[in-house]
Amino acid sequence: MRLSFRKLNDGWNAEPNAPNPRVVVSGQDVLLRFFLNPFQFTSFAEQDEGLLRFVNCARYRLGATNDEGWFRGQCRYSKLAPGWGEFYEIAGPDPHLMDPLDWKIANEVSTSSRHFLFYFRDATFECIAADWTFERVPENALINRLRVG
């Protein structure tokens, strides 16, 4: 079995220039909040945010590599992942899974084993979790209402 990448972001993606990803641990879940892409997906307004919830997350990281490093082949998945700037689930044997030194433990007793990867412009997010969900941040509607007046 070979390493495979399944793209998960259908109908949405992170803002390509300044997605501003932020991580918060909430109980056994890890929440990843970021700006959505209004240029490619017109259902989003500028400054709309998305939230990925990683359920029963064992470990996560938000750090290098950025887009320049990926295109230069400096990322361990540069020659394997279908493209930059997408959200993937990785399956199969991965001898380099634990190579990054900046993993953070979210839940020491978790037995989760699904590997998720999201390439942002200036950072890479990865986690090992049981599952994930995507939602628009509820404050988006309020912000849009205030813009309209």
C-alpha atoms as a PDB file:
ATOM      1  CA  MET A   1       0.000   0.000   0.000  1.00  0.00           C
ATOM      2  CA  ARG A   2       1.270   3.463  -0.929  1.00  0.00           C
ATOM      3  CA  LEU A   3       0.698   6.820   0.683  1.00  0.00           C
ATOM      4  CA  SER A   4      -2.467   8.446  -0.701  1.00  0.00           C
ATOM      5  CA  PHE A   5      -3.984  11.918  -0.393  1.00  0.00           C
ATOM      6  CA  ARG A   6      -7.738  12.530  -0.451  1.00  0.00           C
ATOM      7  CA  LYS A   7      -8.761  16.164  -0.898  1.00  0.00           C
ATOM      8  CA  LEU A   8     -11.422  17.127   1.655  1.00  0.00           C
ATOM      9  CA  ASN A   9     -12.171  20.814   1.003  1.00  0.00           C
ATOM     10  CA  ASP A  10     -15.053  20.749  -1.459  1.00  0.00           C
ATOM     11  CA  GLY A  11     -16.795  24.106  -2.006  1.00  0.00           C
ATOM     12  CA  TRP A  12     -14.506  26.046   0.316  1.00  0.00           C
ATOM     13  CA  ASN A  13     -10.844  26.798   0.965  1.00  0.00           C
ATOM     14  CA  ALA A  14      -8.618  29.093   2.984  1.00  0.00           C
ATOM     15  CA  GLU A  15      -7.919  32.644   1.889  1.00  0.00           C
ATOM     16  CA  PRO A  16      -4.855  32.315  -0.394  1.00  0.00           C
ATOM     17  CA  ASN A  17      -2.952  35.434   0.714  1.00  0.00           C
ATOM     18  CA  ALA A  18      -3.516  35.860   4.449  1.00  0.00           C
ATOM     19  CA  PRO A  19      -5.532  32.952   5.903  1.00  0.00           C
ATOM     20  CA  ASN A  20      -4.313  33.650   9.462  1.00  0.00           C
ATOM     21  CA  PRO A  21      -4.730  30.092  10.854  1.00  0.00           C
ATOM     22  CA  ARG A  22      -5.189  29.802  14.641  1.00  0.00           C
ATOM     23  CA  VAL A  23      -5.386  26.688  16.798  1.00  0.00           C
ATOM     24  CA  VAL A  24      -7.317  26.249  20.049  1.00  0.00           C
ATOM     25  CA  VAL A  25      -7.574  23.053  22.085  1.00  0.00           C
ATOM     26  CA  SER A  26     -11.114  22.507  23.376  1.00  0.00           C
ATOM     27  CA  GLY A  27     -11.371  19.439  25.577  1.00  0.00           C
ATOM     28  CA  GLN A  28     -10.404  16.467  23.402  1.00  0.00           C
ATOM     29  CA  ASP A  29     -10.889  18.427  20.171  1.00  0.00           C
ATOM     30  CA  VAL A  30      -8.595  20.783  18.297  1.00  0.00           C
ATOM     31  CA  LEU A  31     -10.197  23.764  16.561  1.00  0.00           C
ATOM     32  CA  LEU A  32      -8.501  25.357  13.552  1.00  0.00           C
ATOM     33  CA  ARG A  33      -9.900  28.759  12.618  1.00  0.00           C
ATOM     34  CA  PHE A  34      -8.904  30.643   9.430  1.00  0.00           C
ATOM     35  CA  PHE A  35     -10.132  33.159   6.852  1.00  0.00           C
ATOM     36  CA  LEU A  36     -12.076  31.684   3.934  1.00  0.00           C
ATOM     37  CA  ASN A  37     -11.408  32.292   0.235  1.00  0.00           C
ATOM     38  CA  PRO A  38     -13.948  34.818  -1.143  1.00  0.00           C
ATOM     39  CA  PHE A  39     -12.108  35.074  -4.483  1.00  0.00           C
ATOM     40  CA  GLN A  40     -12.710  31.476  -5.569  1.00  0.00           C
ATOM     41  CA  PHE A  41     -15.923  30.891  -3.588  1.00  0.00           C
ATOM     42  CA  THR A  42     -18.359  33.793  -3.933  1.00  0.00           C
ATOM     43  CA  SER A  43     -20.610  32.457  -1.167  1.00  0.00           C
ATOM     44  CA  PHE A  44     -18.014  33.858   1.256  1.00  0.00           C
ATOM     45  CA  ALA A  45     -17.423  37.530   1.983  1.00  0.00           C
ATOM     46  CA  GLU A  46     -14.041  39.041   2.795  1.00  0.00           C
ATOM     47  CA  GLN A  47     -13.091  38.308   6.397  1.00  0.00           C
ATOM     48  CA  ASP A  48     -15.500  35.341   6.675  1.00  0.00           C
ATOM     49  CA  GLU A  49     -13.912  32.634   8.792  1.00  0.00           C
ATOM     50  CA  GLY A  50     -14.114  28.871   8.737  1.00  0.00           C
ATOM     51  CA  LEU A  51     -13.610  26.424  11.556  1.00  0.00           C
ATOM     52  CA  LEU A  52     -12.298  22.886  11.310  1.00  0.00           C
ATOM     53  CA  ARG A  53     -12.979  20.751  14.366  1.00  0.00           C
ATOM     54  CA  PHE A  54     -10.754  17.712  14.768  1.00  0.00           C
ATOM     55  CA  VAL A  55     -12.544  15.264  17.034  1.00  0.00           C
ATOM     56  CA  ASN A  56     -10.589  13.324  19.671  1.00  0.00           C
ATOM     57  CA  CYS A  57      -7.299  14.768  18.457  1.00  0.00           C
ATOM     58  CA  ALA A  58      -4.163  13.012  19.682  1.00  0.00           C
ATOM     59  CA  ARG A  59      -1.568  15.478  18.375  1.00  0.00           C
ATOM     60  CA  TYR A  60      -1.311  18.503  16.098  1.00  0.00           C
ATOM     61  CA  ARG A  61       1.160  20.975  14.666  1.00  0.00           C
ATOM     62  CA  LEU A  62       0.994  24.363  12.947  1.00  0.00           C
ATOM     63  CA  GLY A  63       4.358  25.331  11.524  1.00  0.00           C
ATOM     64  CA  ALA A  64       6.670  25.134   8.538  1.00  0.00           C
ATOM     65  CA  THR A  65       6.552  24.487   5.520  1.00  0.00           C
ATOM     66  CA  ASN A  66       5.251  27.487   3.575  1.00  0.00           C
ATOM     67  CA  ASP A  67       4.313  27.604  -0.116  1.00  0.00           C
ATOM     68  CA  GLU A  68       7.845  28.507  -1.244  1.00  0.00           C
ATOM     69  CA  GLY A  69       9.338  25.540   0.600  1.00  0.00           C
ATOM     70  CA  TRP A  70       6.697  23.213  -0.832  1.00  0.00           C
ATOM     71  CA  PHE A  71       7.384  24.262  -4.434  1.00  0.00           C
ATOM     72  CA  ARG A  72      11.145  23.916  -3.840  1.00  0.00           C
ATOM     73  CA  GLY A  73      10.648  20.331  -2.675  1.00  0.00           C
ATOM     74  CA  GLN A  74      11.541  21.092   0.966  1.00  0.00           C
ATOM     75  CA  CYS A  75       8.341  19.569   2.352  1.00  0.00           C
ATOM     76  CA  ARG A  76       8.196  15.850   3.044  1.00  0.00           C
ATOM     77  CA  TYR A  77       5.036  15.630   0.901  1.00  0.00           C
ATOM     78  CA  SER A  78       6.118  18.034  -1.902  1.00  0.00           C
ATOM     79  CA  LYS A  79       6.460  15.337  -4.505  1.00  0.00           C
ATOM     80  CA  LEU A  80       3.552  13.251  -3.196  1.00  0.00           C
ATOM     81  CA  ALA A  81       0.609  15.572  -2.440  1.00  0.00           C
ATOM     82  CA  PRO A  82      -1.476  16.530  -5.478  1.00  0.00           C
ATOM     83  CA  GLY A  83      -1.259  20.289  -4.867  1.00  0.00           C
ATOM     84  CA  TRP A  84      -0.485  23.134  -2.507  1.00  0.00           C
ATOM     85  CA  GLY A  85      -3.178  25.013  -0.600  1.00  0.00           C
ATOM     86  CA  GLU A  86      -5.589  22.142  -0.032  1.00  0.00           C
ATOM     87  CA  PHE A  87      -6.933  20.126   2.903  1.00  0.00           C
ATOM     88  CA  TYR A  88      -6.172  16.389   2.764  1.00  0.00           C
ATOM     89  CA  GLU A  89      -6.533  13.144   4.612  1.00  0.00           C
ATOM     90  CA  ILE A  90      -3.397  11.053   4.231  1.00  0.00           C
ATOM     91  CA  ALA A  91      -3.668   7.271   4.283  1.00  0.00           C
ATOM     92  CA  GLY A  92      -1.107   4.505   4.084  1.00  0.00           C
ATOM     93  CA  PRO A  93       2.263   3.823   5.673  1.00  0.00           C
ATOM     94  CA  ASP A  94       4.175   7.031   6.353  1.00  0.00           C
ATOM     95  CA  PRO A  95       7.719   6.562   7.653  1.00  0.00           C
ATOM     96  CA  HIS A  96       8.123  10.364   7.909  1.00  0.00           C
ATOM     97  CA  LEU A  97       4.965  11.092   9.910  1.00  0.00           C
ATOM     98  CA  MET A  98       6.831  11.999  13.076  1.00  0.00           C
ATOM     99  CA  ASP A  99       9.747  13.811  11.370  1.00  0.00           C
ATOM    100  CA  PRO A 100       8.601  17.328  12.343  1.00  0.00           C
ATOM    101  CA  LEU A 101       9.807  18.217  15.816  1.00  0.00           C
ATOM    102  CA  ASP A 102       6.998  20.664  16.615  1.00  0.00           C
ATOM    103  CA  TRP A 103       4.118  18.216  17.290  1.00  0.00           C
ATOM    104  CA  LYS A 104       1.979  19.145  20.306  1.00  0.00           C
ATOM    105  CA  ILE A 105       0.110  16.564  22.356  1.00  0.00           C
ATOM    106  CA  ALA A 106      -3.614  17.326  22.586  1.00  0.00           C
ATOM    107  CA  ASN A 107      -4.845  14.098  24.187  1.00  0.00           C
ATOM    108  CA  GLU A 108      -2.346  11.595  25.563  1.00  0.00           C
ATOM    109  CA  VAL A 109      -4.868   8.741  25.773  1.00  0.00           C
ATOM    110  CA  SER A 110      -6.363   9.157  22.298  1.00  0.00           C
ATOM    111  CA  THR A 111      -6.159   6.158  19.978  1.00  0.00           C
ATOM    112  CA  SER A 112      -7.085   8.235  16.925  1.00  0.00           C
ATOM    113  CA  SER A 113      -5.138   7.406  13.800  1.00  0.00           C
ATOM    114  CA  ARG A 114      -6.460   9.497  10.891  1.00  0.00           C
ATOM    115  CA  HIS A 115      -3.862  11.936   9.533  1.00  0.00           C
ATOM    116  CA  PHE A 116      -5.110  15.335   8.310  1.00  0.00           C
ATOM    117  CA  LEU A 117      -2.998  17.944   6.504  1.00  0.00           C
ATOM    118  CA  PHE A 118      -3.869  21.508   5.471  1.00  0.00           C
ATOM    119  CA  TYR A 119      -1.439  23.654   3.483  1.00  0.00           C
ATOM    120  CA  PHE A 120      -1.856  27.362   4.178  1.00  0.00           C
ATOM    121  CA  ARG A 121       0.166  30.056   2.460  1.00  0.00           C
ATOM    122  CA  ASP A 122       2.732  30.500   5.221  1.00  0.00           C
ATOM    123  CA  ALA A 123       2.208  27.396   7.343  1.00  0.00           C
ATOM    124  CA  THR A 124       1.215  23.775   7.384  1.00  0.00           C
ATOM    125  CA  PHE A 125      -1.330  22.305   9.786  1.00  0.00           C
ATOM    126  CA  GLU A 126      -1.338  18.583  10.581  1.00  0.00           C
ATOM    127  CA  CYS A 127      -3.131  16.495  13.126  1.00  0.00           C
ATOM    128  CA  ILE A 128      -3.927  12.952  14.105  1.00  0.00           C
ATOM    129  CA  ALA A 129      -7.624  12.730  15.019  1.00  0.00           C
ATOM    130  CA  ALA A 130     -10.673  10.469  14.871  1.00  0.00           C
ATOM    131  CA  ASP A 131     -12.701  12.708  12.539  1.00  0.00           C
ATOM    132  CA  TRP A 132     -13.265  16.286  11.374  1.00  0.00           C
ATOM    133  CA  THR A 133     -16.068  18.734  10.612  1.00  0.00           C
ATOM    134  CA  PHE A 134     -16.114  22.077   8.806  1.00  0.00           C
ATOM    135  CA  GLU A 135     -18.363  25.009   9.575  1.00  0.00           C
ATOM    136  CA  ARG A 136     -18.545  28.698   8.955  1.00  0.00           C
ATOM    137  CA  VAL A 137     -17.918  30.745  12.068  1.00  0.00           C
ATOM    138  CA  PRO A 138     -21.296  32.012  13.395  1.00  0.00           C
ATOM    139  CA  GLU A 139     -19.984  35.576  13.753  1.00  0.00           C
ATOM    140  CA  ASN A 140     -19.703  35.809   9.926  1.00  0.00           C
ATOM    141  CA  ALA A 141     -23.435  36.519   9.590  1.00  0.00           C
ATOM    142  CA  LEU A 142     -23.304  39.278  12.203  1.00  0.00           C
ATOM    143  CA  ILE A 143     -20.265  40.900  10.609  1.00  0.00           C
ATOM    144  CA  ASN A 144     -21.909  40.801   7.162  1.00  0.00           C
ATOM    145  CA  ARG A 145     -25.101  42.328   8.586  1.00  0.00           C
ATOM    146  CA  LEU A 146     -23.113  45.182  10.151  1.00  0.00           C
ATOM    147  CA  ARG A 147     -21.337  45.838   6.817  1.00  0.00           C
ATOM    148  CA  VAL A 148     -24.662  46.195   5.014  1.00  0.00           C
ATOM    149  CA  GLY A 149     -25.899  48.541   7.706  1.00  0.00           C
END
